[in-house]
Amino acid sequence: MKKSKGEKRYAKNRYHERSELLTEKDVELICQKNRDACNKAINLYEEYIKITSRRYLYDEYGNAYVYEDPDLQQEMRIGLIDALRRRKKA
């Protein structure tokens, strides 16, 4: 199956610049429920979330359709923030 533009872009820019990564200070701010720090984490992983939430649906004729599941995307964003909070507490 052919890769979409998003998958190609993700494969090309898979590794972010060191300045774009989350620092310990960012994780501490996420634990304090700082909205800007949470948005930074979500924006950093947004491309990954979009790609992994895609579902390929097929009709009765075998045609494939790509569907991005918004509910799954929201669950992944919430799971990301929860995982960062748990990581700091451990």
Protein backbone atom coordinates (compact mmCIF):
# COMPACT_ATOMS: atom_id res chain seq x y z
CA MET A 1 0.00 0.00 0.00
CA LYS A 2 1.29 3.46 -0.88
CA LYS A 3 2.36 5.80 1.88
CA SER A 4 0.40 9.00 2.28
CA LYS A 5 2.05 12.43 2.38
CA GLY A 6 1.76 12.51 6.17
CA GLU A 7 3.52 9.17 6.55
CA LYS A 8 6.31 10.27 4.21
CA ARG A 9 6.73 13.55 6.08
CA TYR A 10 6.74 11.70 9.41
CA ALA A 11 9.38 9.27 8.15
CA LYS A 12 11.55 12.15 6.92
CA ASN A 13 11.25 14.30 10.06
CA ARG A 14 10.98 11.50 12.57
CA TYR A 15 13.65 12.92 14.83
CA HIS A 16 13.01 16.37 16.19
CA GLU A 17 15.66 18.91 16.93
CA ARG A 18 16.98 18.68 20.47
CA SER A 19 15.54 22.11 21.27
CA GLU A 20 12.04 20.86 20.38
CA LEU A 21 12.07 17.90 22.77
CA LEU A 22 10.45 17.98 26.18
CA THR A 23 12.67 18.99 29.06
CA GLU A 24 12.33 17.99 32.70
CA LYS A 25 10.95 21.45 33.37
CA ASP A 26 8.22 20.85 30.79
CA VAL A 27 7.31 17.56 32.47
CA GLU A 28 7.13 19.31 35.84
CA LEU A 29 4.82 21.94 34.35
CA ILE A 30 2.65 19.19 32.87
CA CYS A 31 2.38 17.66 36.35
CA GLN A 32 1.19 21.07 37.58
CA LYS A 33 -1.44 21.06 34.81
CA ASN A 34 0.12 23.95 32.90
CA ARG A 35 -1.86 24.31 29.67
CA ASP A 36 1.06 25.61 27.57
CA ALA A 37 3.31 22.71 28.55
CA CYS A 38 0.53 20.19 27.80
CA ASN A 39 -0.01 21.77 24.37
CA LYS A 40 3.73 21.63 23.67
CA ALA A 41 3.77 17.89 24.40
CA ILE A 42 0.68 17.27 22.28
CA ASN A 43 2.04 19.30 19.36
CA LEU A 44 5.31 17.40 19.53
CA TYR A 45 3.53 14.05 19.15
CA GLU A 46 0.64 15.23 16.92
CA GLU A 47 2.02 13.77 13.69
CA TYR A 48 2.55 10.38 15.37
CA ILE A 49 -0.96 10.48 16.81
CA LYS A 50 -2.48 11.23 13.41
CA ILE A 51 -0.64 8.40 11.68
CA THR A 52 -1.35 5.77 14.32
CA SER A 53 -5.05 6.67 14.56
CA ARG A 54 -5.66 5.95 10.88
CA ARG A 55 -7.92 3.06 10.06
CA TYR A 56 -8.17 1.49 6.63
CA LEU A 57 -11.74 0.53 5.84
CA TYR A 58 -12.71 -1.59 2.86
CA ASP A 59 -16.06 -1.68 1.09
CA GLU A 60 -17.65 -4.76 -0.45
CA TYR A 61 -15.72 -4.19 -3.71
CA GLY A 62 -12.32 -4.11 -2.02
CA ASN A 63 -11.75 -0.36 -2.28
CA ALA A 64 -9.74 1.03 0.60
CA TYR A 65 -10.70 4.19 2.47
CA VAL A 66 -8.54 5.95 5.04
CA TYR A 67 -10.35 7.10 8.16
CA GLU A 68 -8.74 9.11 10.96
CA ASP A 69 -10.52 8.23 14.16
CA PRO A 70 -10.97 11.45 16.21
CA ASP A 71 -12.02 9.54 19.33
CA LEU A 72 -8.86 7.47 19.24
CA GLN A 73 -6.78 10.63 18.69
CA GLN A 74 -8.31 12.22 21.80
CA GLU A 75 -7.66 9.07 23.86
CA MET A 76 -4.03 9.06 22.71
CA ARG A 77 -3.58 12.74 23.66
CA ILE A 78 -5.02 12.09 27.11
CA GLY A 79 -2.89 8.97 27.49
CA LEU A 80 0.23 10.94 26.57
CA ILE A 81 -0.37 13.56 29.25
CA ASP A 82 -1.24 10.87 31.84
CA ALA A 83 1.92 8.93 30.99
CA LEU A 84 4.07 12.03 31.41
CA ARG A 85 2.48 12.76 34.78
CA ARG A 86 3.01 9.18 35.96
CA ARG A 87 6.61 9.22 34.75
CA LYS A 88 7.39 12.22 36.93
CA LYS A 89 5.75 10.70 40.02
CA ALA A 90 7.72 7.46 39.69
